[in-house]
Amino acid sequence: LYNQDEKNIDANVVGFGCPSLLSKDLSESTEGYVTTIISDSDLVPRLSAPTIINAFFDILSYDWVARGLKDLQFAIDSLRKKLPFIPFEKLENMYVLIKTFLEENVKQRMDDMSKIQRAEVILQPPGRCVHFYRDGNGVSGQIMECDFFDSIEISRTMVDDHLISVGYNRMLLDYMRYNHGDYEFNF
């Protein structure tokens, strides 16, 4: 790595969406000359073998049964309205059968998955991390500890946020427009 005591070299680095590739100590040692910009839920800075494993277990342990039963009840109600010749008891029996199966089999597996110990995350993005994120009004940004990015944030924008045109360009442009009060600002 760069030796800060070297008199002949003056280097500063700004990276966009850098992957997690350094230990915490090594990342902190580069804060003086490396800045990593991270756009909202960008997948790449959070990506490592342990974060993938942990996300897998998080997804498998997510308790979707109540929402699934709500969807099933909606479907049954729709069938009852559209096909009134189907006996109500048959639809109700189907609901009870599926509910029982989910609660006795699927829910137990989700509970088991939630108890599995998650993998230790060792790697993180380099240097000082500046996180730009959607805050509900616009875009905010702040310096974060790089270990903040130790898990994959499952969202519909996690891939797009890493791309230049729809991720970083849009995020930084929105940030500048919002914070300068000039919605016609361009780079």
Protein backbone atom coordinates (compact mmCIF):
# COMPACT_ATOMS: atom_id res chain seq x y z
CA LEU A 1 0.00 0.00 0.00
CA TYR A 2 0.85 3.65 -0.24
CA ASN A 3 3.47 4.79 2.25
CA GLN A 4 2.46 8.21 3.59
CA ASP A 5 6.05 8.88 4.68
CA GLU A 6 7.23 8.73 1.06
CA LYS A 7 8.11 12.33 0.13
CA ASN A 8 7.99 11.87 -3.65
CA ILE A 9 4.41 10.68 -3.87
CA ASP A 10 1.28 12.70 -3.21
CA ALA A 11 -1.76 10.55 -3.92
CA ASN A 12 -5.43 10.85 -3.08
CA VAL A 13 -8.08 8.43 -4.27
CA VAL A 14 -11.83 8.77 -4.62
CA GLY A 15 -13.61 5.53 -5.41
CA PHE A 16 -17.24 5.01 -6.31
CA GLY A 17 -18.83 1.82 -5.02
CA CYS A 18 -15.53 0.17 -4.12
CA PRO A 19 -15.87 -3.46 -3.05
CA SER A 20 -15.21 -4.67 0.48
CA LEU A 21 -11.61 -5.76 0.21
CA LEU A 22 -9.75 -4.58 3.31
CA SER A 23 -9.80 -5.51 6.99
CA LYS A 24 -11.11 -2.86 9.39
CA ASP A 25 -7.59 -1.89 10.51
CA LEU A 26 -6.24 -1.69 6.97
CA SER A 27 -9.28 0.29 5.79
CA GLU A 28 -8.88 2.78 8.64
CA SER A 29 -5.17 3.16 7.84
CA THR A 30 -6.13 4.48 4.36
CA GLU A 31 -8.60 7.15 5.59
CA GLY A 32 -6.09 9.95 5.01
CA TYR A 33 -5.89 9.40 1.28
CA VAL A 34 -8.80 7.13 0.20
CA THR A 35 -12.45 8.18 0.13
CA THR A 36 -15.11 5.72 -0.94
CA ILE A 37 -18.43 7.14 -2.12
CA ILE A 38 -21.36 4.73 -1.63
CA SER A 39 -24.73 5.28 -3.25
CA ASP A 40 -27.70 4.30 -1.06
CA SER A 41 -28.08 0.50 -1.13
CA ASP A 42 -25.30 -0.20 -3.67
CA LEU A 43 -24.67 -3.94 -3.53
CA VAL A 44 -20.95 -3.98 -4.40
CA PRO A 45 -19.49 -2.30 -1.26
CA ARG A 46 -21.49 -4.76 0.85
CA LEU A 47 -20.58 -7.85 -1.16
CA SER A 48 -18.39 -10.58 0.34
CA ALA A 49 -18.80 -14.29 0.98
CA PRO A 50 -20.06 -13.79 4.58
CA THR A 51 -22.57 -11.08 3.57
CA ILE A 52 -23.95 -13.32 0.82
CA ILE A 53 -24.31 -16.22 3.27
CA ASN A 54 -25.94 -13.95 5.87
CA ALA A 55 -28.36 -12.48 3.30
CA PHE A 56 -29.29 -16.01 2.23
CA PHE A 57 -30.15 -16.97 5.83
CA ASP A 58 -31.99 -13.66 6.36
CA ILE A 59 -34.15 -14.29 3.31
CA LEU A 60 -34.86 -17.90 4.31
CA SER A 61 -35.79 -16.84 7.84
CA TYR A 62 -38.10 -13.99 6.75
CA ASP A 63 -41.57 -14.74 8.10
CA TRP A 64 -43.87 -14.26 5.14
CA VAL A 65 -46.60 -16.66 6.34
CA ALA A 66 -49.02 -13.97 7.59
CA ARG A 67 -48.76 -12.03 4.32
CA GLY A 68 -49.10 -15.25 2.32
CA LEU A 69 -52.26 -16.16 4.21
CA LYS A 70 -53.63 -12.67 3.62
CA ASP A 71 -52.99 -13.08 -0.13
CA LEU A 72 -54.63 -16.51 -0.04
CA GLN A 73 -57.70 -15.10 1.72
CA PHE A 74 -57.91 -12.36 -0.92
CA ALA A 75 -57.73 -14.99 -3.69
CA ILE A 76 -60.44 -17.08 -2.01
CA ASP A 77 -62.68 -14.03 -1.62
CA SER A 78 -62.16 -13.20 -5.30
CA LEU A 79 -62.99 -16.78 -6.32
CA ARG A 80 -66.12 -16.68 -4.19
CA LYS A 81 -67.28 -13.50 -5.97
CA LYS A 82 -66.35 -14.58 -9.49
CA LEU A 83 -67.33 -18.24 -9.19
CA PRO A 84 -70.25 -18.38 -6.76
CA PHE A 85 -71.09 -21.95 -7.75
CA ILE A 86 -68.00 -23.27 -5.87
CA PRO A 87 -69.21 -24.32 -2.40
CA PHE A 88 -67.93 -22.00 0.33
CA GLU A 89 -66.94 -24.99 2.49
CA LYS A 90 -64.51 -26.25 -0.17
CA LEU A 91 -62.75 -22.88 -0.31
CA GLU A 92 -62.67 -22.60 3.47
CA ASN A 93 -61.28 -26.17 3.77
CA MET A 94 -58.55 -25.28 1.28
CA TYR A 95 -57.62 -22.20 3.34
CA VAL A 96 -57.46 -24.20 6.58
CA LEU A 97 -55.39 -26.95 4.94
CA ILE A 98 -52.83 -24.49 3.54
CA LYS A 99 -52.71 -22.47 6.78
CA THR A 100 -52.10 -25.61 8.82
CA PHE A 101 -49.34 -26.76 6.47
CA LEU A 102 -47.61 -23.37 6.55
CA GLU A 103 -47.80 -23.01 10.31
CA GLU A 104 -46.70 -26.59 11.07
CA ASN A 105 -43.97 -26.98 8.45
CA VAL A 106 -42.80 -23.78 6.79
CA LYS A 107 -42.92 -21.49 9.83
CA GLN A 108 -40.84 -23.94 11.87
CA ARG A 109 -38.14 -23.99 9.17
CA MET A 110 -38.08 -20.19 9.13
CA ASP A 111 -37.65 -20.16 12.90
CA ASP A 112 -34.80 -22.68 12.59
CA MET A 113 -33.09 -20.50 9.95
CA SER A 114 -33.36 -17.41 12.15
CA LYS A 115 -31.40 -19.23 14.89
CA ILE A 116 -28.43 -20.09 12.65
CA GLN A 117 -25.40 -18.03 13.62
CA ARG A 118 -24.44 -15.58 10.92
CA ALA A 119 -20.98 -15.52 9.37
CA GLU A 120 -18.47 -12.97 10.67
CA VAL A 121 -17.88 -10.14 8.20
CA ILE A 122 -14.19 -9.28 7.98
CA LEU A 123 -13.82 -7.14 4.86
CA GLN A 124 -15.07 -3.61 4.28
CA PRO A 125 -14.65 -0.80 1.74
CA PRO A 126 -11.38 1.15 1.88
CA GLY A 127 -10.72 4.52 3.51
CA ARG A 128 -13.27 7.06 4.61
CA CYS A 129 -16.80 6.10 3.50
CA VAL A 130 -19.26 8.78 2.40
CA HIS A 131 -22.78 7.42 2.10
CA PHE A 132 -25.39 9.18 -0.05
CA TYR A 133 -28.91 7.89 0.54
CA ARG A 134 -32.54 8.67 -0.18
CA ASP A 135 -34.09 10.13 2.95
CA GLY A 136 -37.73 10.45 1.89
CA ASN A 137 -37.40 14.14 0.95
CA GLY A 138 -34.39 14.04 -1.29
CA VAL A 139 -30.83 12.82 -0.89
CA SER A 140 -28.64 13.15 2.19
CA GLY A 141 -25.01 12.29 2.67
CA GLN A 142 -22.77 11.66 5.61
CA ILE A 143 -19.47 10.10 6.57
CA MET A 144 -20.02 6.61 7.96
CA GLU A 145 -17.82 4.02 9.59
CA CYS A 146 -16.98 1.61 6.78
CA ASP A 147 -18.17 -1.36 8.83
CA PHE A 148 -21.67 0.10 8.46
CA PHE A 149 -21.70 -1.70 5.10
CA ASP A 150 -21.31 -5.18 6.63
CA SER A 151 -24.62 -6.55 5.35
CA ILE A 152 -26.45 -6.63 2.04
CA GLU A 153 -29.40 -4.27 2.00
CA ILE A 154 -32.05 -6.10 0.02
CA SER A 155 -33.87 -3.48 -2.04
CA ARG A 156 -35.17 -2.96 -5.55
CA THR A 157 -32.36 -0.46 -6.22
CA MET A 158 -29.38 -2.44 -4.90
CA VAL A 159 -28.04 -3.17 -8.41
CA ASP A 160 -29.04 0.14 -10.07
CA ASP A 161 -27.41 2.10 -7.24
CA HIS A 162 -24.02 0.73 -8.34
CA LEU A 163 -24.39 1.87 -11.96
CA ILE A 164 -22.97 5.24 -12.96
CA SER A 165 -25.88 6.66 -14.98
CA VAL A 166 -28.81 5.58 -12.79
CA GLY A 167 -26.93 5.22 -9.52
CA TYR A 168 -24.05 7.55 -8.75
CA ASN A 169 -24.77 10.26 -11.31
CA ARG A 170 -28.42 10.52 -10.30
CA MET A 171 -27.67 10.30 -6.55
CA LEU A 172 -24.99 13.01 -6.62
CA LEU A 173 -27.02 15.21 -8.97
CA ASP A 174 -30.09 14.95 -6.71
CA TYR A 175 -27.91 15.69 -3.69
CA MET A 176 -26.45 18.83 -5.29
CA ARG A 177 -29.84 20.05 -6.53
CA TYR A 178 -31.52 19.49 -3.16
CA ASN A 179 -28.77 21.00 -1.01
CA HIS A 180 -28.16 24.00 -3.28
CA GLY A 181 -31.87 24.63 -3.84
CA ASP A 182 -31.18 24.74 -7.58
CA TYR A 183 -33.22 22.04 -9.30
CA GLU A 184 -31.68 22.88 -12.67
CA PHE A 185 -28.12 22.26 -11.41
CA ASN A 186 -26.00 20.08 -13.72
CA PHE A 187 -22.46 18.82 -13.60
